[in-house]
Amino acid sequence: MKNPLKTFNKDFLPAMALGITVTIGYGTVYYAYAILLPYMAKDLGISLSQAFGFLSIGVFVGGLIMPVWGHIVDRFGGKWLMTIGSILSGLTLMPLAFVTNNYELLGAIALAEIFGLSILYSVAFPSVTRLKLSVTPQQSISVITLFGGVASTIFWPSTLALY
């Protein structure tokens, strides 16, 4: 039987790293809301529908910036966008802990989504296709997708445990 470590292709490492980043990204800027928004809605005295409506608006606002992120990836690649986006995304999640009314909630979610979309599939996929690797872009995208697919499995229970 062949040793799988001897046949491992190091050109999968960028896709694996992006997969970990995407997993964390989806877990923080999407799946955590499924756990946290019901509690936030209750604390703020708003309906659950209104809280998730704010998330929908935030995703829409974040989507408006996607042409800018796409231009940056086309021009410079995604390395710096995803690196800076990870930092800014983390920082923009912090105001969610301090919201006191529905307007602040909407603003905090919109801000988090603007930078959060810079660390998801929409930037990771074109970034990996720009790399000169011995594996095909389709193979790299499959690896990233495999990692990202477990984000909810990891982040729903861990967010519940942290709450």
Foldseek 3Di string as FASTA:
>chain_A
DDDVVVVDFCLLVLLLVLLQLQLVLCLQLPLLCVVCLVVVCVQQVHDSVLSVVLLVVLLVLLVVCLVVLVVCCVVPALPVLQVVLVVQLVVLQVCCVVDRHSVSSSVSSNSNSNSSVSSHPSRSLSRSCPDDGPDHSVVSSVSSCVSNVCSNVPRVVVSVVVD
